PDB file of N, CA and C in Angstrom:
ATOM      1  N   MET A   1     -16.307  -3.142 -11.440  1.00  0.00           N
ATOM      2  CA  MET A   1     -15.182  -3.694 -10.789  1.00  0.00           C
ATOM      3  C   MET A   1     -14.337  -3.111  -9.841  1.00  0.00           C
ATOM      4  N   SER A   2     -14.020  -4.116  -8.850  1.00  0.00           N
ATOM      5  CA  SER A   2     -13.590  -3.528  -7.550  1.00  0.00           C
ATOM      6  C   SER A   2     -12.115  -3.280  -7.911  1.00  0.00           C
ATOM      7  N   VAL A   3     -11.322  -2.151  -7.237  1.00  0.00           N
ATOM      8  CA  VAL A   3      -9.357  -2.200  -7.018  1.00  0.00           C
ATOM      9  C   VAL A   3      -9.330  -2.482  -5.755  1.00  0.00           C
ATOM     10  N   ALA A   4      -7.990  -3.190  -5.540  1.00  0.00           N
ATOM     11  CA  ALA A   4      -8.032  -3.049  -4.126  1.00  0.00           C
ATOM     12  C   ALA A   4      -6.112  -3.411  -4.101  1.00  0.00           C
ATOM     13  N   TYR A   5      -5.757  -3.248  -3.104  1.00  0.00           N
ATOM     14  CA  TYR A   5      -3.926  -3.401  -2.950  1.00  0.00           C
ATOM     15  C   TYR A   5      -3.630  -4.394  -2.458  1.00  0.00           C
ATOM     16  N   PHE A   6      -2.669  -4.998  -2.849  1.00  0.00           N
ATOM     17  CA  PHE A   6      -2.353  -6.456  -1.926  1.00  0.00           C
ATOM     18  C   PHE A   6      -0.811  -6.449  -2.083  1.00  0.00           C
ATOM     19  N   VAL A   7      -0.258  -7.375  -0.931  1.00  0.00           N
ATOM     20  CA  VAL A   7       1.027  -7.636  -1.058  1.00  0.00           C
ATOM     21  C   VAL A   7       1.081  -8.844  -1.593  1.00  0.00           C
ATOM     22  N   VAL A   8       2.271  -8.491  -2.611  1.00  0.00           N
ATOM     23  CA  VAL A   8       3.188 -10.165  -2.979  1.00  0.00           C
ATOM     24  C   VAL A   8       4.776 -10.050  -2.647  1.00  0.00           C
ATOM     25  N   PHE A   9       4.483 -11.343  -1.746  1.00  0.00           N
ATOM     26  CA  PHE A   9       5.974 -11.642  -1.063  1.00  0.00           C
ATOM     27  C   PHE A   9       6.849 -12.521  -2.540  1.00  0.00           C
ATOM     28  N   ASN A  10       8.095 -12.308  -2.452  1.00  0.00           N
ATOM     29  CA  ASN A  10       8.786 -13.402  -2.802  1.00  0.00           C
ATOM     30  C   ASN A  10       9.023 -14.446  -2.480  1.00  0.00           C
ATOM     31  N   CYS A  11       8.224 -14.796  -2.132  1.00  0.00           N
ATOM     32  CA  CYS A  11       8.338 -16.825  -1.442  1.00  0.00           C
ATOM     33  C   CYS A  11       7.158 -17.207  -1.116  1.00  0.00           C
ATOM     34  N   ASP A  12       6.858 -18.053  -1.305  1.00  0.00           N
ATOM     35  CA  ASP A  12       5.480 -18.768  -1.241  1.00  0.00           C
ATOM     36  C   ASP A  12       5.162 -18.605   0.067  1.00  0.00           C
ATOM     37  N   ASP A  13       5.969 -18.669   1.323  1.00  0.00           N
ATOM     38  CA  ASP A  13       5.488 -18.589   2.656  1.00  0.00           C
ATOM     39  C   ASP A  13       6.243 -18.110   3.490  1.00  0.00           C
ATOM     40  N   PRO A  14       5.675 -16.095   3.645  1.00  0.00           N
ATOM     41  CA  PRO A  14       5.977 -15.527   4.547  1.00  0.00           C
ATOM     42  C   PRO A  14       6.249 -15.809   5.591  1.00  0.00           C
ATOM     43  N   GLY A  15       5.662 -17.040   6.547  1.00  0.00           N
ATOM     44  CA  GLY A  15       5.860 -17.475   7.880  1.00  0.00           C
ATOM     45  C   GLY A  15       4.759 -16.455   8.508  1.00  0.00           C
ATOM     46  N   PHE A  16       3.718 -16.091   7.968  1.00  0.00           N
ATOM     47  CA  PHE A  16       3.121 -15.481   8.930  1.00  0.00           C
ATOM     48  C   PHE A  16       1.541 -15.102   7.452  1.00  0.00           C
ATOM     49  N   ASP A  17      -0.087 -14.856   8.323  1.00  0.00           N
ATOM     50  CA  ASP A  17      -0.621 -14.453   7.698  1.00  0.00           C
ATOM     51  C   ASP A  17      -0.591 -13.271   6.830  1.00  0.00           C
ATOM     52  N   SER A  18      -0.712 -13.569   5.308  1.00  0.00           N
ATOM     53  CA  SER A  18      -0.228 -12.344   4.577  1.00  0.00           C
ATOM     54  C   SER A  18      -1.378 -11.678   4.489  1.00  0.00           C
ATOM     55  N   PHE A  19      -2.492 -11.944   4.450  1.00  0.00           N
ATOM     56  CA  PHE A  19      -3.989 -11.102   3.931  1.00  0.00           C
ATOM     57  C   PHE A  19      -3.931  -9.926   4.265  1.00  0.00           C
ATOM     58  N   VAL A  20      -4.119  -9.383   3.447  1.00  0.00           N
ATOM     59  CA  VAL A  20      -4.092  -7.450   3.748  1.00  0.00           C
ATOM     60  C   VAL A  20      -5.619  -7.191   2.684  1.00  0.00           C
ATOM     61  N   ASP A  21      -6.580  -6.686   3.532  1.00  0.00           N
ATOM     62  CA  ASP A  21      -8.378  -6.248   2.993  1.00  0.00           C
ATOM     63  C   ASP A  21      -7.160  -4.729   2.334  1.00  0.00           C
ATOM     64  N   GLY A  22      -6.744  -4.708   0.616  1.00  0.00           N
ATOM     65  CA  GLY A  22      -6.176  -3.561   0.870  1.00  0.00           C
ATOM     66  C   GLY A  22      -7.764  -2.500  -0.054  1.00  0.00           C
ATOM     67  N   LYS A  23      -8.806  -2.819  -0.467  1.00  0.00           N
ATOM     68  CA  LYS A  23      -9.860  -1.917  -0.650  1.00  0.00           C
ATOM     69  C   LYS A  23     -10.252  -0.629  -0.020  1.00  0.00           C
ATOM     70  N   MET A  24      -9.785  -0.484   1.796  1.00  0.00           N
ATOM     71  CA  MET A  24     -10.348   0.883   2.433  1.00  0.00           C
ATOM     72  C   MET A  24      -9.132   1.495   1.889  1.00  0.00           C
ATOM     73  N   LEU A  25      -8.292   1.127   1.677  1.00  0.00           N
ATOM     74  CA  LEU A  25      -6.849   1.944   1.539  1.00  0.00           C
ATOM     75  C   LEU A  25      -7.561   2.694   0.092  1.00  0.00           C
ATOM     76  N   THR A  26      -7.823   1.545  -0.756  1.00  0.00           N
ATOM     77  CA  THR A  26      -7.885   2.573  -2.528  1.00  0.00           C
ATOM     78  C   THR A  26      -9.334   3.853  -2.548  1.00  0.00           C
ATOM     79  N   HIS A  27     -10.223   3.503  -1.533  1.00  0.00           N
ATOM     80  CA  HIS A  27     -11.225   4.576  -1.162  1.00  0.00           C
ATOM     81  C   HIS A  27     -10.510   5.685  -0.289  1.00  0.00           C
ATOM     82  N   ARG A  28      -9.080   5.767   0.446  1.00  0.00           N
ATOM     83  CA  ARG A  28      -8.320   6.332   0.684  1.00  0.00           C
ATOM     84  C   ARG A  28      -7.421   7.360   0.236  1.00  0.00           C
ATOM     85  N   LEU A  29      -6.977   6.445  -0.287  1.00  0.00           N
ATOM     86  CA  LEU A  29      -5.358   6.840  -1.619  1.00  0.00           C
ATOM     87  C   LEU A  29      -5.101   8.619  -1.250  1.00  0.00           C
ATOM     88  N   GLU A  30      -6.360   9.133  -1.864  1.00  0.00           N
ATOM     89  CA  GLU A  30      -6.396  10.773  -1.888  1.00  0.00           C
ATOM     90  C   GLU A  30      -5.246  11.247  -0.843  1.00  0.00           C
ATOM     91  N   GLU A  31      -6.311  10.784   0.400  1.00  0.00           N
ATOM     92  CA  GLU A  31      -6.177  11.481   1.469  1.00  0.00           C
ATOM     93  C   GLU A  31      -4.587  10.589   2.378  1.00  0.00           C
ATOM     94  N   VAL A  32      -4.719   9.498   1.943  1.00  0.00           N
ATOM     95  CA  VAL A  32      -3.133   8.642   1.999  1.00  0.00           C
ATOM     96  C   VAL A  32      -1.700   9.419   1.789  1.00  0.00           C
ATOM     97  N   ASN A  33      -2.675   9.761   0.260  1.00  0.00           N
ATOM     98  CA  ASN A  33      -0.979  10.287  -0.210  1.00  0.00           C
ATOM     99  C   ASN A  33      -0.570  11.910   0.212  1.00  0.00           C
ATOM    100  N   ALA A  34      -2.126  12.284   0.315  1.00  0.00           N
ATOM    101  CA  ALA A  34      -1.565  14.255   1.191  1.00  0.00           C
ATOM    102  C   ALA A  34      -0.713  13.800   2.359  1.00  0.00           C
ATOM    103  N   ILE A  35      -1.279  12.929   3.163  1.00  0.00           N
ATOM    104  CA  ILE A  35       0.127  12.703   4.505  1.00  0.00           C
ATOM    105  C   ILE A  35       0.866  12.424   4.088  1.00  0.00           C
ATOM    106  N   ALA A  36       1.740  11.444   2.980  1.00  0.00           N
ATOM    107  CA  ALA A  36       2.714  10.836   2.534  1.00  0.00           C
ATOM    108  C   ALA A  36       3.626  12.153   2.491  1.00  0.00           C
ATOM    109  N   THR A  37       2.958  12.855   1.347  1.00  0.00           N
ATOM    110  CA  THR A  37       3.406  14.168   0.952  1.00  0.00           C
ATOM    111  C   THR A  37       4.022  15.299   1.726  1.00  0.00           C
ATOM    112  N   ARG A  38       3.495  15.302   3.170  1.00  0.00           N
ATOM    113  CA  ARG A  38       3.115  16.060   4.061  1.00  0.00           C
ATOM    114  C   ARG A  38       4.572  15.921   4.757  1.00  0.00           C
ATOM    115  N   LEU A  39       4.726  14.204   4.922  1.00  0.00           N
ATOM    116  CA  LEU A  39       5.814  13.634   5.873  1.00  0.00           C
ATOM    117  C   LEU A  39       7.039  13.075   4.887  1.00  0.00           C
ATOM    118  N   ASP A  40       7.042  13.737   3.863  1.00  0.00           N
ATOM    119  CA  ASP A  40       7.966  13.868   2.632  1.00  0.00           C
ATOM    120  C   ASP A  40       8.147  12.871   1.887  1.00  0.00           C
ATOM    121  N   LEU A  41       7.051  11.955   2.097  1.00  0.00           N
ATOM    122  CA  LEU A  41       7.471  10.466   1.569  1.00  0.00           C
ATOM    123  C   LEU A  41       6.505  10.338   0.060  1.00  0.00           C
ATOM    124  N   LYS A  42       7.278   9.431  -0.625  1.00  0.00           N
ATOM    125  CA  LYS A  42       6.863   8.744  -2.023  1.00  0.00           C
ATOM    126  C   LYS A  42       5.233   8.450  -1.663  1.00  0.00           C
ATOM    127  N   ALA A  43       4.640   8.658  -2.560  1.00  0.00           N
ATOM    128  CA  ALA A  43       3.057   8.380  -2.639  1.00  0.00           C
ATOM    129  C   ALA A  43       3.118   7.055  -2.640  1.00  0.00           C
ATOM    130  N   PHE A  44       1.905   6.345  -1.987  1.00  0.00           N
ATOM    131  CA  PHE A  44       1.763   4.769  -2.137  1.00  0.00           C
ATOM    132  C   PHE A  44       1.910   4.165  -3.734  1.00  0.00           C
ATOM    133  N   GLU A  45       1.141   5.252  -4.293  1.00  0.00           N
ATOM    134  CA  GLU A  45       1.514   4.217  -6.206  1.00  0.00           C
ATOM    135  C   GLU A  45       3.055   4.079  -6.482  1.00  0.00           C
ATOM    136  N   ASP A  46       3.973   4.434  -5.555  1.00  0.00           N
ATOM    137  CA  ASP A  46       5.549   4.788  -6.299  1.00  0.00           C
ATOM    138  C   ASP A  46       6.276   3.477  -6.154  1.00  0.00           C
ATOM    139  N   TYR A  47       4.796   2.315  -5.156  1.00  0.00           N
ATOM    140  CA  TYR A  47       5.628   1.118  -4.643  1.00  0.00           C
ATOM    141  C   TYR A  47       4.197   0.350  -5.138  1.00  0.00           C
ATOM    142  N   ALA A  48       3.528   0.522  -6.097  1.00  0.00           N
ATOM    143  CA  ALA A  48       2.718  -0.372  -6.715  1.00  0.00           C
ATOM    144  C   ALA A  48       3.177  -0.860  -7.708  1.00  0.00           C
ATOM    145  N   PHE A  49       3.179  -2.268  -8.121  1.00  0.00           N
ATOM    146  CA  PHE A  49       3.198  -3.096  -9.393  1.00  0.00           C
ATOM    147  C   PHE A  49       2.207  -3.502  -9.697  1.00  0.00           C
ATOM    148  N   GLN A  50       1.691  -3.443 -11.064  1.00  0.00           N
ATOM    149  CA  GLN A  50       0.457  -3.730 -11.928  1.00  0.00           C
ATOM    150  C   GLN A  50       0.855  -5.359 -12.710  1.00  0.00           C
ATOM    151  N   ASP A  51       1.095  -6.335 -12.860  1.00  0.00           N
ATOM    152  CA  ASP A  51       0.876  -7.334 -14.102  1.00  0.00           C
ATOM    153  C   ASP A  51      -0.371  -7.523 -14.479  1.00  0.00           C
ATOM    154  N   LEU A  52      -0.385  -6.887 -15.905  1.00  0.00           N
ATOM    155  CA  LEU A  52      -1.679  -6.904 -16.604  1.00  0.00           C
ATOM    156  C   LEU A  52      -1.598  -8.300 -17.285  1.00  0.00           C
ATOM    157  N   SER A  53      -0.596  -9.188 -17.764  1.00  0.00           N
ATOM    158  CA  SER A  53      -0.636  -9.926 -18.531  1.00  0.00           C
ATOM    159  C   SER A  53      -1.862 -10.889 -18.367  1.00  0.00           C
ATOM    160  N   GLU A  54      -2.880 -11.328 -16.896  1.00  0.00           N
ATOM    161  CA  GLU A  54      -3.848 -12.135 -16.997  1.00  0.00           C
ATOM    162  C   GLU A  54      -4.698 -11.737 -17.793  1.00  0.00           C
ATOM    163  N   TYR A  55      -4.626 -10.054 -17.969  1.00  0.00           N
ATOM    164  CA  TYR A  55      -5.500  -9.435 -18.731  1.00  0.00           C
ATOM    165  C   TYR A  55      -5.467  -8.967 -20.346  1.00  0.00           C
ATOM    166  N   GLY A  56      -4.576  -9.784 -21.132  1.00  0.00           N
ATOM    167  CA  GLY A  56      -4.170  -9.769 -22.042  1.00  0.00           C
ATOM    168  C   GLY A  56      -3.024  -8.933 -22.342  1.00  0.00           C
ATOM    169  N   GLY A  57      -2.513  -8.019 -21.179  1.00  0.00           N
ATOM    170  CA  GLY A  57      -1.706  -6.724 -21.618  1.00  0.00           C
ATOM    171  C   GLY A  57      -0.223  -8.003 -21.643  1.00  0.00           C
ATOM    172  N   ALA A  58       1.243  -6.812 -22.117  1.00  0.00           N
ATOM    173  CA  ALA A  58       2.265  -7.749 -22.248  1.00  0.00           C
ATOM    174  C   ALA A  58       2.786  -8.055 -20.535  1.00  0.00           C
ATOM    175  N   ASP A  59       3.682  -9.667 -20.886  1.00  0.00           N
ATOM    176  CA  ASP A  59       4.416  -9.659 -19.839  1.00  0.00           C
ATOM    177  C   ASP A  59       4.941  -9.207 -19.350  1.00  0.00           C
ATOM    178  N   MET A  60       5.747  -8.860 -18.275  1.00  0.00           N
ATOM    179  CA  MET A  60       6.158  -7.886 -17.699  1.00  0.00           C
ATOM    180  C   MET A  60       6.635  -8.709 -16.338  1.00  0.00           C
ATOM    181  N   GLU A  61       8.241  -8.314 -16.127  1.00  0.00           N
ATOM    182  CA  GLU A  61       8.816  -8.768 -14.888  1.00  0.00           C
ATOM    183  C   GLU A  61       8.271  -7.952 -13.896  1.00  0.00           C
ATOM    184  N   VAL A  62       8.606  -8.784 -12.499  1.00  0.00           N
ATOM    185  CA  VAL A  62       7.718  -8.411 -11.332  1.00  0.00           C
ATOM    186  C   VAL A  62       9.283  -7.306 -10.837  1.00  0.00           C
ATOM    187  N   GLN A  63       8.337  -6.286 -10.391  1.00  0.00           N
ATOM    188  CA  GLN A  63       9.404  -5.118  -9.849  1.00  0.00           C
ATOM    189  C   GLN A  63       9.518  -5.253  -8.529  1.00  0.00           C
ATOM    190  N   TRP A  64      10.625  -5.403  -7.480  1.00  0.00           N
ATOM    191  CA  TRP A  64      10.270  -5.311  -6.254  1.00  0.00           C
ATOM    192  C   TRP A  64      11.047  -4.185  -5.541  1.00  0.00           C
ATOM    193  N   PHE A  65      10.491  -4.021  -4.498  1.00  0.00           N
ATOM    194  CA  PHE A  65      11.301  -2.839  -4.143  1.00  0.00           C
ATOM    195  C   PHE A  65      11.336  -3.451  -2.313  1.00  0.00           C
ATOM    196  N   ASP A  66      12.675  -2.139  -2.141  1.00  0.00           N
ATOM    197  CA  ASP A  66      12.802  -2.258  -0.818  1.00  0.00           C
ATOM    198  C   ASP A  66      12.060  -2.260   0.106  1.00  0.00           C
ATOM    199  N   ALA A  67      11.942  -3.432   0.773  1.00  0.00           N
ATOM    200  CA  ALA A  67      11.595  -3.535   2.404  1.00  0.00           C
ATOM    201  C   ALA A  67      11.674  -2.447   3.246  1.00  0.00           C
ATOM    202  N   GLN A  68      13.081  -1.678   3.403  1.00  0.00           N
ATOM    203  CA  GLN A  68      13.467  -1.016   4.526  1.00  0.00           C
ATOM    204  C   GLN A  68      12.527   0.149   4.636  1.00  0.00           C
ATOM    205  N   GLU A  69      12.399   0.117   2.715  1.00  0.00           N
ATOM    206  CA  GLU A  69      12.007   1.937   2.685  1.00  0.00           C
ATOM    207  C   GLU A  69      10.345   1.346   2.835  1.00  0.00           C
ATOM    208  N   GLY A  70       9.659   0.199   2.546  1.00  0.00           N
ATOM    209  CA  GLY A  70       8.295   0.357   2.552  1.00  0.00           C
ATOM    210  C   GLY A  70       8.163   0.293   3.805  1.00  0.00           C
ATOM    211  N   LEU A  71       8.818  -0.669   4.755  1.00  0.00           N
ATOM    212  CA  LEU A  71       8.419  -0.405   6.370  1.00  0.00           C
ATOM    213  C   LEU A  71       8.585   1.290   7.308  1.00  0.00           C
ATOM    214  N   HIS A  72       9.692   1.964   6.502  1.00  0.00           N
ATOM    215  CA  HIS A  72       9.340   3.111   6.907  1.00  0.00           C
ATOM    216  C   HIS A  72       7.930   3.785   6.617  1.00  0.00           C
ATOM    217  N   TRP A  73       8.038   3.613   5.002  1.00  0.00           N
ATOM    218  CA  TRP A  73       6.629   4.327   4.764  1.00  0.00           C
ATOM    219  C   TRP A  73       5.531   3.901   5.741  1.00  0.00           C
ATOM    220  N   ILE A  74       5.195   2.680   6.015  1.00  0.00           N
ATOM    221  CA  ILE A  74       4.258   2.685   6.621  1.00  0.00           C
ATOM    222  C   ILE A  74       4.024   2.702   7.993  1.00  0.00           C
ATOM    223  N   SER A  75       5.023   2.771   8.567  1.00  0.00           N
ATOM    224  CA  SER A  75       5.431   3.053  10.089  1.00  0.00           C
ATOM    225  C   SER A  75       5.405   4.447   9.927  1.00  0.00           C
ATOM    226  N   SER A  76       5.567   5.238   9.180  1.00  0.00           N
ATOM    227  CA  SER A  76       5.488   6.585   9.370  1.00  0.00           C
ATOM    228  C   SER A  76       3.678   7.228   8.854  1.00  0.00           C
ATOM    229  N   ILE A  77       3.349   6.254   7.983  1.00  0.00           N
ATOM    230  CA  ILE A  77       1.760   6.784   8.079  1.00  0.00           C
ATOM    231  C   ILE A  77       1.391   6.426   9.288  1.00  0.00           C
ATOM    232  N   ARG A  78       1.248   4.840   9.219  1.00  0.00           N
ATOM    233  CA  ARG A  78       0.309   4.052  10.967  1.00  0.00           C
ATOM    234  C   ARG A  78       0.996   5.758  11.878  1.00  0.00           C
ATOM    235  N   ARG A  79       1.727   6.133  12.167  1.00  0.00           N
ATOM    236  CA  ARG A  79       2.162   6.346  13.644  1.00  0.00           C
ATOM    237  C   ARG A  79       1.723   7.777  12.893  1.00  0.00           C
ATOM    238  N   HIS A  80       1.125   8.459  12.075  1.00  0.00           N
ATOM    239  CA  HIS A  80       0.220   9.542  11.619  1.00  0.00           C
ATOM    240  C   HIS A  80      -1.388   9.102  12.182  1.00  0.00           C
ATOM    241  N   LEU A  81      -1.351   8.177  11.442  1.00  0.00           N
ATOM    242  CA  LEU A  81      -2.834   7.710  11.395  1.00  0.00           C
ATOM    243  C   LEU A  81      -3.724   7.550  12.877  1.00  0.00           C
ATOM    244  N   ASP A  82      -1.951   6.861  13.578  1.00  0.00           N
ATOM    245  CA  ASP A  82      -2.456   6.580  15.256  1.00  0.00           C
ATOM    246  C   ASP A  82      -2.503   7.784  16.112  1.00  0.00           C
ATOM    247  N   GLU A  83      -1.606   8.800  15.691  1.00  0.00           N
ATOM    248  CA  GLU A  83      -1.775  10.264  16.211  1.00  0.00           C
ATOM    249  C   GLU A  83      -2.935  11.097  16.038  1.00  0.00           C
ATOM    250  N   ASN A  84      -3.191  10.862  14.797  1.00  0.00           N
ATOM    251  CA  ASN A  84      -4.647  11.885  14.094  1.00  0.00           C
ATOM    252  C   ASN A  84      -5.474  11.011  13.519  1.00  0.00           C
ATOM    253  N   PRO A  85      -5.951  10.224  14.073  1.00  0.00           N
ATOM    254  CA  PRO A  85      -7.499   9.331  13.971  1.00  0.00           C
ATOM    255  C   PRO A  85      -8.370  10.156  12.962  1.00  0.00           C
ATOM    256  N   GLY A  86      -8.316  11.090  12.951  1.00  0.00           N
ATOM    257  CA  GLY A  86      -9.627  12.021  12.312  1.00  0.00           C
ATOM    258  C   GLY A  86      -8.648  12.633  10.908  1.00  0.00           C
ATOM    259  N   ALA A  87      -7.559  12.200  10.379  1.00  0.00           N
ATOM    260  CA  ALA A  87      -7.025  12.796   8.966  1.00  0.00           C
ATOM    261  C   ALA A  87      -7.212  11.833   7.982  1.00  0.00           C
ATOM    262  N   VAL A  88      -7.798  10.895   8.087  1.00  0.00           N
ATOM    263  CA  VAL A  88      -8.600  10.411   7.062  1.00  0.00           C
ATOM    264  C   VAL A  88     -10.262   9.172   7.262  1.00  0.00           C
ATOM    265  N   LYS A  89     -11.305   9.484   7.073  1.00  0.00           N
ATOM    266  CA  LYS A  89     -12.067   8.376   7.511  1.00  0.00           C
ATOM    267  C   LYS A  89     -11.956   7.274   7.183  1.00  0.00           C
ATOM    268  N   ASP A  90     -12.664   6.715   8.152  1.00  0.00           N
ATOM    269  CA  ASP A  90     -11.975   5.288   8.451  1.00  0.00           C
ATOM    270  C   ASP A  90     -10.826   4.819   9.145  1.00  0.00           C
ATOM    271  N   ALA A  91     -10.006   5.231   9.771  1.00  0.00           N
ATOM    272  CA  ALA A  91      -8.200   5.934   9.984  1.00  0.00           C
ATOM    273  C   ALA A  91      -7.735   4.227  10.346  1.00  0.00           C
ATOM    274  N   GLY A  92      -8.969   3.495  10.905  1.00  0.00           N
ATOM    275  CA  GLY A  92      -8.528   2.314  11.368  1.00  0.00           C
ATOM    276  C   GLY A  92      -8.637   1.421  10.548  1.00  0.00           C
ATOM    277  N   ALA A  93      -9.638   0.903  10.155  1.00  0.00           N
ATOM    278  CA  ALA A  93      -9.694   0.212   8.729  1.00  0.00           C
ATOM    279  C   ALA A  93      -8.522   0.731   7.837  1.00  0.00           C
ATOM    280  N   VAL A  94      -8.060   1.793   7.315  1.00  0.00           N
ATOM    281  CA  VAL A  94      -7.320   2.194   6.346  1.00  0.00           C
ATOM    282  C   VAL A  94      -5.615   1.318   6.872  1.00  0.00           C
ATOM    283  N   VAL A  95      -5.762   1.752   8.516  1.00  0.00           N
ATOM    284  CA  VAL A  95      -4.200   0.865   9.158  1.00  0.00           C
ATOM    285  C   VAL A  95      -4.352  -0.537   9.020  1.00  0.00           C
TER     286      VAL A  95
END
């Protein structure tokens, strides 16, 4: 089984193509989290929510996160990877 992260919106149509291939991020997550630590940011998983109900787990209320904080996180990581493309293998795919 493969693991991937993807974005979930609190509306059916955000007004743009919201597809994200989150598999590369899972492959480089340790390196991305190391960058986040150096930039004094939370780890990526701190923004993740896992709904296990479809796998027989308990039904959980969806946990939403502050969009501005998420935008700051991704902007900081992306700026770092743009300026330091060798910081992770396949930086372009991670971005």
